[in-house]
């Protein structure tokens, strides 16, 4: 029996002004999971969350949210 992801991210890369902020990120989240995002200033934390929330669509890779999830 396979578990269903609420979101999967494959090969996510985001570039700002020729600077690669996120590079080939792969993540999968299961229902009920709690996550934290840690990193220094400019590490891409807010960028990752904006992409996950669907507020930033200028990236390479695949982001697959399940239907009706809220971030």
PDB file of N, CA and C in Angstrom:
ATOM      1  N   UNK A   1       0.849  -1.187   0.000  1.00  0.00           N
ATOM      2  CA  UNK A   1       0.000   0.000   0.000  1.00  0.00           C
ATOM      3  C   UNK A   1       0.887   1.240   0.000  1.00  0.00           C
ATOM      4  N   UNK A   2       0.746   2.075  -0.982  1.00  0.00           N
ATOM      5  CA  UNK A   2       1.583   3.272  -1.061  1.00  0.00           C
ATOM      6  C   UNK A   2       0.898   4.452  -0.385  1.00  0.00           C
ATOM      7  N   UNK A   3       1.710   5.275   0.247  1.00  0.00           N
ATOM      8  CA  UNK A   3       1.188   6.466   0.908  1.00  0.00           C
ATOM      9  C   UNK A   3       1.072   7.600  -0.096  1.00  0.00           C
ATOM     10  N   UNK A   4       0.035   8.393   0.018  1.00  0.00           N
ATOM     11  CA  UNK A   4      -0.203   9.498  -0.905  1.00  0.00           C
ATOM     12  C   UNK A   4       0.474  10.765  -0.382  1.00  0.00           C
ATOM     13  N   UNK A   5       1.239  11.419  -1.225  1.00  0.00           N
ATOM     14  CA  UNK A   5       1.860  12.684  -0.861  1.00  0.00           C
ATOM     15  C   UNK A   5       0.829  13.803  -0.933  1.00  0.00           C
ATOM     16  N   UNK A   6       0.982  14.812  -0.047  1.00  0.00           N
ATOM     17  CA  UNK A   6       0.158  16.010  -0.198  1.00  0.00           C
ATOM     18  C   UNK A   6       0.861  17.017  -1.102  1.00  0.00           C
ATOM     19  N   UNK A   7       2.178  16.841  -1.261  1.00  0.00           N
ATOM     20  CA  UNK A   7       2.932  17.660  -2.212  1.00  0.00           C
ATOM     21  C   UNK A   7       4.240  16.946  -2.522  1.00  0.00           C
ATOM     22  N   UNK A   8       4.620  16.971  -3.795  1.00  0.00           N
ATOM     23  CA  UNK A   8       5.939  16.470  -4.170  1.00  0.00           C
ATOM     24  C   UNK A   8       6.630  17.520  -5.037  1.00  0.00           C
ATOM     25  N   UNK A   9       7.928  17.627  -4.845  1.00  0.00           N
ATOM     26  CA  UNK A   9       8.750  18.597  -5.569  1.00  0.00           C
ATOM     27  C   UNK A   9       9.928  17.831  -6.155  1.00  0.00           C
ATOM     28  N   UNK A  10      10.137  18.003  -7.455  1.00  0.00           N
ATOM     29  CA  UNK A  10      11.218  17.277  -8.127  1.00  0.00           C
ATOM     30  C   UNK A  10      12.046  18.229  -8.986  1.00  0.00           C
ATOM     31  N   UNK A  11      13.336  18.251  -8.734  1.00  0.00           N
ATOM     32  CA  UNK A  11      14.262  19.028  -9.553  1.00  0.00           C
ATOM     33  C   UNK A  11      14.027  20.526  -9.529  1.00  0.00           C
ATOM     34  N   UNK A  12      13.531  21.047  -8.414  1.00  0.00           N
ATOM     35  CA  UNK A  12      13.195  22.471  -8.323  1.00  0.00           C
ATOM     36  C   UNK A  12      14.454  23.334  -8.343  1.00  0.00           C
ATOM     37  N   UNK A  13      14.514  24.244  -9.292  1.00  0.00           N
ATOM     38  CA  UNK A  13      15.615  25.195  -9.412  1.00  0.00           C
ATOM     39  C   UNK A  13      15.022  26.575  -9.645  1.00  0.00           C
ATOM     40  N   UNK A  14      15.525  27.575  -8.919  1.00  0.00           N
ATOM     41  CA  UNK A  14      15.046  28.960  -9.061  1.00  0.00           C
ATOM     42  C   UNK A  14      16.258  29.859  -9.182  1.00  0.00           C
ATOM     43  N   UNK A  15      16.259  30.700 -10.197  1.00  0.00           N
ATOM     44  CA  UNK A  15      17.377  31.606 -10.460  1.00  0.00           C
ATOM     45  C   UNK A  15      16.873  33.045 -10.427  1.00  0.00           C
ATOM     46  N   UNK A  16      17.579  33.906  -9.676  1.00  0.00           N
ATOM     47  CA  UNK A  16      17.324  35.350  -9.644  1.00  0.00           C
ATOM     48  C   UNK A  16      18.551  36.050 -10.204  1.00  0.00           C
ATOM     49  N   UNK A  17      18.384  36.859 -11.229  1.00  0.00           N
ATOM     50  CA  UNK A  17      19.498  37.651 -11.775  1.00  0.00           C
ATOM     51  C   UNK A  17      20.786  36.835 -11.904  1.00  0.00           C
ATOM     52  N   UNK A  18      20.697  35.678 -12.524  1.00  0.00           N
ATOM     53  CA  UNK A  18      21.824  34.777 -12.770  1.00  0.00           C
ATOM     54  C   UNK A  18      22.369  34.110 -11.508  1.00  0.00           C
ATOM     55  N   UNK A  19      21.735  34.303 -10.344  1.00  0.00           N
ATOM     56  CA  UNK A  19      22.160  33.635  -9.114  1.00  0.00           C
ATOM     57  C   UNK A  19      21.189  32.494  -8.825  1.00  0.00           C
ATOM     58  N   UNK A  20      21.727  31.273  -8.731  1.00  0.00           N
ATOM     59  CA  UNK A  20      20.904  30.104  -8.447  1.00  0.00           C
ATOM     60  C   UNK A  20      20.602  30.061  -6.950  1.00  0.00           C
ATOM     61  N   UNK A  21      19.350  30.327  -6.600  1.00  0.00           N
ATOM     62  CA  UNK A  21      18.943  30.377  -5.194  1.00  0.00           C
ATOM     63  C   UNK A  21      18.533  28.993  -4.706  1.00  0.00           C
ATOM     64  N   UNK A  22      17.792  28.257  -5.514  1.00  0.00           N
ATOM     65  CA  UNK A  22      17.424  26.872  -5.219  1.00  0.00           C
ATOM     66  C   UNK A  22      17.981  26.011  -6.344  1.00  0.00           C
ATOM     67  N   UNK A  23      18.587  24.890  -5.993  1.00  0.00           N
ATOM     68  CA  UNK A  23      19.245  24.065  -7.006  1.00  0.00           C
ATOM     69  C   UNK A  23      18.856  22.599  -6.863  1.00  0.00           C
ATOM     70  N   UNK A  24      18.063  22.105  -7.805  1.00  0.00           N
ATOM     71  CA  UNK A  24      17.698  20.693  -7.896  1.00  0.00           C
ATOM     72  C   UNK A  24      17.144  20.138  -6.580  1.00  0.00           C
ATOM     73  N   UNK A  25      16.131  20.796  -6.017  1.00  0.00           N
ATOM     74  CA  UNK A  25      15.513  20.397  -4.754  1.00  0.00           C
ATOM     75  C   UNK A  25      14.484  19.297  -5.012  1.00  0.00           C
ATOM     76  N   UNK A  26      14.532  18.230  -4.204  1.00  0.00           N
ATOM     77  CA  UNK A  26      13.563  17.144  -4.268  1.00  0.00           C
ATOM     78  C   UNK A  26      12.985  16.936  -2.871  1.00  0.00           C
ATOM     79  N   UNK A  27      11.660  17.059  -2.741  1.00  0.00           N
ATOM     80  CA  UNK A  27      10.982  16.904  -1.453  1.00  0.00           C
ATOM     81  C   UNK A  27       9.656  16.190  -1.658  1.00  0.00           C
ATOM     82  N   UNK A  28       9.187  15.510  -0.606  1.00  0.00           N
ATOM     83  CA  UNK A  28       7.850  14.916  -0.621  1.00  0.00           C
ATOM     84  C   UNK A  28       7.272  15.049   0.781  1.00  0.00           C
ATOM     85  N   UNK A  29       6.000  15.441   0.863  1.00  0.00           N
ATOM     86  CA  UNK A  29       5.340  15.662   2.142  1.00  0.00           C
ATOM     87  C   UNK A  29       4.147  14.729   2.270  1.00  0.00           C
ATOM     88  N   UNK A  30       4.036  14.070   3.408  1.00  0.00           N
ATOM     89  CA  UNK A  30       2.924  13.171   3.685  1.00  0.00           C
ATOM     90  C   UNK A  30       1.857  13.896   4.502  1.00  0.00           C
ATOM     91  N   UNK A  31       0.612  13.445   4.451  1.00  0.00           N
ATOM     92  CA  UNK A  31      -0.445  14.055   5.271  1.00  0.00           C
ATOM     93  C   UNK A  31      -0.050  14.050   6.755  1.00  0.00           C
ATOM     94  N   UNK A  32      -0.301  15.149   7.421  1.00  0.00           N
ATOM     95  CA  UNK A  32      -0.018  15.270   8.849  1.00  0.00           C
ATOM     96  C   UNK A  32       1.424  15.629   9.172  1.00  0.00           C
ATOM     97  N   UNK A  33       2.274  15.725   8.173  1.00  0.00           N
ATOM     98  CA  UNK A  33       3.686  16.046   8.408  1.00  0.00           C
ATOM     99  C   UNK A  33       3.832  17.496   8.850  1.00  0.00           C
ATOM    100  N   UNK A  34       4.766  17.721   9.736  1.00  0.00           N
ATOM    101  CA  UNK A  34       5.119  19.075  10.151  1.00  0.00           C
ATOM    102  C   UNK A  34       6.548  19.302   9.684  1.00  0.00           C
ATOM    103  N   UNK A  35       6.786  20.450   9.055  1.00  0.00           N
ATOM    104  CA  UNK A  35       8.120  20.715   8.527  1.00  0.00           C
ATOM    105  C   UNK A  35       8.636  22.047   9.043  1.00  0.00           C
ATOM    106  N   UNK A  36       9.916  22.194   9.024  1.00  0.00           N
ATOM    107  CA  UNK A  36      10.572  23.460   9.320  1.00  0.00           C
ATOM    108  C   UNK A  36      11.557  23.745   8.200  1.00  0.00           C
ATOM    109  N   UNK A  37      11.754  25.006   7.912  1.00  0.00           N
ATOM    110  CA  UNK A  37      12.701  25.402   6.870  1.00  0.00           C
ATOM    111  C   UNK A  37      13.729  26.318   7.522  1.00  0.00           C
ATOM    112  N   UNK A  38      14.968  25.884   7.547  1.00  0.00           N
ATOM    113  CA  UNK A  38      16.042  26.632   8.195  1.00  0.00           C
ATOM    114  C   UNK A  38      17.094  27.035   7.177  1.00  0.00           C
ATOM    115  N   UNK A  39      17.715  28.168   7.401  1.00  0.00           N
ATOM    116  CA  UNK A  39      18.800  28.612   6.528  1.00  0.00           C
ATOM    117  C   UNK A  39      19.123  30.066   6.794  1.00  0.00           C
ATOM    118  N   UNK A  40      20.258  30.467   6.352  1.00  0.00           N
ATOM    119  CA  UNK A  40      20.707  31.843   6.529  1.00  0.00           C
ATOM    120  C   UNK A  40      19.976  32.807   5.613  1.00  0.00           C
ATOM    121  N   UNK A  41      20.288  34.094   5.776  1.00  0.00           N
ATOM    122  CA  UNK A  41      19.701  35.123   4.912  1.00  0.00           C
ATOM    123  C   UNK A  41      20.042  34.831   3.457  1.00  0.00           C
ATOM    124  N   UNK A  42      19.045  34.897   2.592  1.00  0.00           N
ATOM    125  CA  UNK A  42      19.267  34.681   1.169  1.00  0.00           C
ATOM    126  C   UNK A  42      19.405  33.233   0.754  1.00  0.00           C
ATOM    127  N   UNK A  43      19.101  32.307   1.657  1.00  0.00           N
ATOM    128  CA  UNK A  43      19.258  30.879   1.349  1.00  0.00           C
ATOM    129  C   UNK A  43      18.131  30.321   0.486  1.00  0.00           C
ATOM    130  N   UNK A  44      17.009  31.046   0.372  1.00  0.00           N
ATOM    131  CA  UNK A  44      15.909  30.587  -0.468  1.00  0.00           C
ATOM    132  C   UNK A  44      14.697  30.071   0.288  1.00  0.00           C
ATOM    133  N   UNK A  45      14.646  30.291   1.594  1.00  0.00           N
ATOM    134  CA  UNK A  45      13.516  29.803   2.400  1.00  0.00           C
ATOM    135  C   UNK A  45      12.192  30.397   1.943  1.00  0.00           C
ATOM    136  N   UNK A  46      12.132  31.704   1.853  1.00  0.00           N
ATOM    137  CA  UNK A  46      10.891  32.376   1.430  1.00  0.00           C
ATOM    138  C   UNK A  46      10.550  32.031  -0.009  1.00  0.00           C
ATOM    139  N   UNK A  47      11.550  31.919  -0.841  1.00  0.00           N
ATOM    140  CA  UNK A  47      11.323  31.545  -2.240  1.00  0.00           C
ATOM    141  C   UNK A  47      10.693  30.164  -2.320  1.00  0.00           C
ATOM    142  N   UNK A  48      11.225  29.209  -1.559  1.00  0.00           N
ATOM    143  CA  UNK A  48      10.665  27.857  -1.540  1.00  0.00           C
ATOM    144  C   UNK A  48       9.207  27.880  -1.102  1.00  0.00           C
ATOM    145  N   UNK A  49       8.902  28.608  -0.036  1.00  0.00           N
ATOM    146  CA  UNK A  49       7.527  28.663   0.466  1.00  0.00           C
ATOM    147  C   UNK A  49       6.590  29.362  -0.519  1.00  0.00           C
ATOM    148  N   UNK A  50       7.063  30.415  -1.191  1.00  0.00           N
ATOM    149  CA  UNK A  50       6.234  31.076  -2.215  1.00  0.00           C
ATOM    150  C   UNK A  50       5.932  30.126  -3.373  1.00  0.00           C
ATOM    151  N   UNK A  51       6.915  29.357  -3.781  1.00  0.00           N
ATOM    152  CA  UNK A  51       6.692  28.383  -4.855  1.00  0.00           C
ATOM    153  C   UNK A  51       5.695  27.323  -4.398  1.00  0.00           C
ATOM    154  N   UNK A  52       5.863  26.814  -3.184  1.00  0.00           N
ATOM    155  CA  UNK A  52       4.942  25.799  -2.661  1.00  0.00           C
ATOM    156  C   UNK A  52       3.517  26.334  -2.569  1.00  0.00           C
ATOM    157  N   UNK A  53       3.374  27.629  -2.257  1.00  0.00           N
ATOM    158  CA  UNK A  53       2.049  28.245  -2.124  1.00  0.00           C
ATOM    159  C   UNK A  53       1.462  28.658  -3.469  1.00  0.00           C
ATOM    160  N   UNK A  54       2.229  28.511  -4.549  1.00  0.00           N
ATOM    161  CA  UNK A  54       1.739  28.879  -5.870  1.00  0.00           C
ATOM    162  C   UNK A  54       1.842  30.360  -6.177  1.00  0.00           C
ATOM    163  N   UNK A  55       2.614  31.103  -5.384  1.00  0.00           N
ATOM    164  CA  UNK A  55       2.762  32.545  -5.584  1.00  0.00           C
ATOM    165  C   UNK A  55       3.934  32.904  -6.488  1.00  0.00           C
ATOM    166  N   UNK A  56       4.778  31.932  -6.795  1.00  0.00           N
ATOM    167  CA  UNK A  56       5.928  32.153  -7.681  1.00  0.00           C
ATOM    168  C   UNK A  56       5.956  30.991  -8.667  1.00  0.00           C
ATOM    169  N   UNK A  57       5.793  31.293  -9.940  1.00  0.00           N
ATOM    170  CA  UNK A  57       5.765  30.246 -10.962  1.00  0.00           C
ATOM    171  C   UNK A  57       6.957  30.313 -11.907  1.00  0.00           C
ATOM    172  N   UNK A  58       7.937  31.125 -11.587  1.00  0.00           N
ATOM    173  CA  UNK A  58       9.104  31.296 -12.448  1.00  0.00           C
ATOM    174  C   UNK A  58      10.241  30.396 -11.956  1.00  0.00           C
ATOM    175  N   UNK A  59      10.112  29.098 -12.171  1.00  0.00           N
ATOM    176  CA  UNK A  59      11.102  28.131 -11.713  1.00  0.00           C
ATOM    177  C   UNK A  59      11.195  26.987 -12.714  1.00  0.00           C
ATOM    178  N   UNK A  60      12.221  26.175 -12.556  1.00  0.00           N
ATOM    179  CA  UNK A  60      12.364  24.950 -13.338  1.00  0.00           C
ATOM    180  C   UNK A  60      12.126  23.778 -12.400  1.00  0.00           C
ATOM    181  N   UNK A  61      11.583  22.704 -12.911  1.00  0.00           N
ATOM    182  CA  UNK A  61      11.287  21.531 -12.109  1.00  0.00           C
ATOM    183  C   UNK A  61       9.791  21.322 -12.019  1.00  0.00           C
ATOM    184  N   UNK A  62       9.395  20.406 -11.144  1.00  0.00           N
ATOM    185  CA  UNK A  62       7.991  20.034 -11.010  1.00  0.00           C
ATOM    186  C   UNK A  62       7.540  20.176  -9.564  1.00  0.00           C
ATOM    187  N   UNK A  63       6.426  20.866  -9.360  1.00  0.00           N
ATOM    188  CA  UNK A  63       5.798  20.988  -8.044  1.00  0.00           C
ATOM    189  C   UNK A  63       4.384  20.458  -8.194  1.00  0.00           C
ATOM    190  N   UNK A  64       4.060  19.392  -7.447  1.00  0.00           N
ATOM    191  CA  UNK A  64       2.748  18.761  -7.557  1.00  0.00           C
ATOM    192  C   UNK A  64       2.024  18.803  -6.209  1.00  0.00           C
ATOM    193  N   UNK A  65       1.177  19.796  -5.999  1.00  0.00           N
ATOM    194  CA  UNK A  65       0.374  19.808  -4.771  1.00  0.00           C
ATOM    195  C   UNK A  65      -0.871  18.944  -4.960  1.00  0.00           C
ATOM    196  N   UNK A  66      -1.327  18.323  -3.875  1.00  0.00           N
ATOM    197  CA  UNK A  66      -2.595  17.603  -3.916  1.00  0.00           C
ATOM    198  C   UNK A  66      -3.721  18.627  -3.993  1.00  0.00           C
ATOM    199  N   UNK A  67      -4.884  18.189  -4.385  1.00  0.00           N
ATOM    200  CA  UNK A  67      -6.031  19.095  -4.449  1.00  0.00           C
ATOM    201  C   UNK A  67      -6.419  19.542  -3.045  1.00  0.00           C
ATOM    202  N   UNK A  68      -6.847  20.780  -2.940  1.00  0.00           N
ATOM    203  CA  UNK A  68      -7.405  21.348  -1.708  1.00  0.00           C
ATOM    204  C   UNK A  68      -6.431  21.440  -0.540  1.00  0.00           C
ATOM    205  N   UNK A  69      -5.124  21.543  -0.789  1.00  0.00           N
ATOM    206  CA  UNK A  69      -4.217  21.754   0.343  1.00  0.00           C
ATOM    207  C   UNK A  69      -4.047  23.252   0.563  1.00  0.00           C
ATOM    208  N   UNK A  70      -3.736  23.611   1.800  1.00  0.00           N
ATOM    209  CA  UNK A  70      -3.502  25.011   2.158  1.00  0.00           C
ATOM    210  C   UNK A  70      -2.102  25.128   2.727  1.00  0.00           C
ATOM    211  N   UNK A  71      -1.419  26.193   2.313  1.00  0.00           N
ATOM    212  CA  UNK A  71      -0.059  26.429   2.819  1.00  0.00           C
ATOM    213  C   UNK A  71      -0.033  27.786   3.485  1.00  0.00           C
TER     214      UNK A  71
END
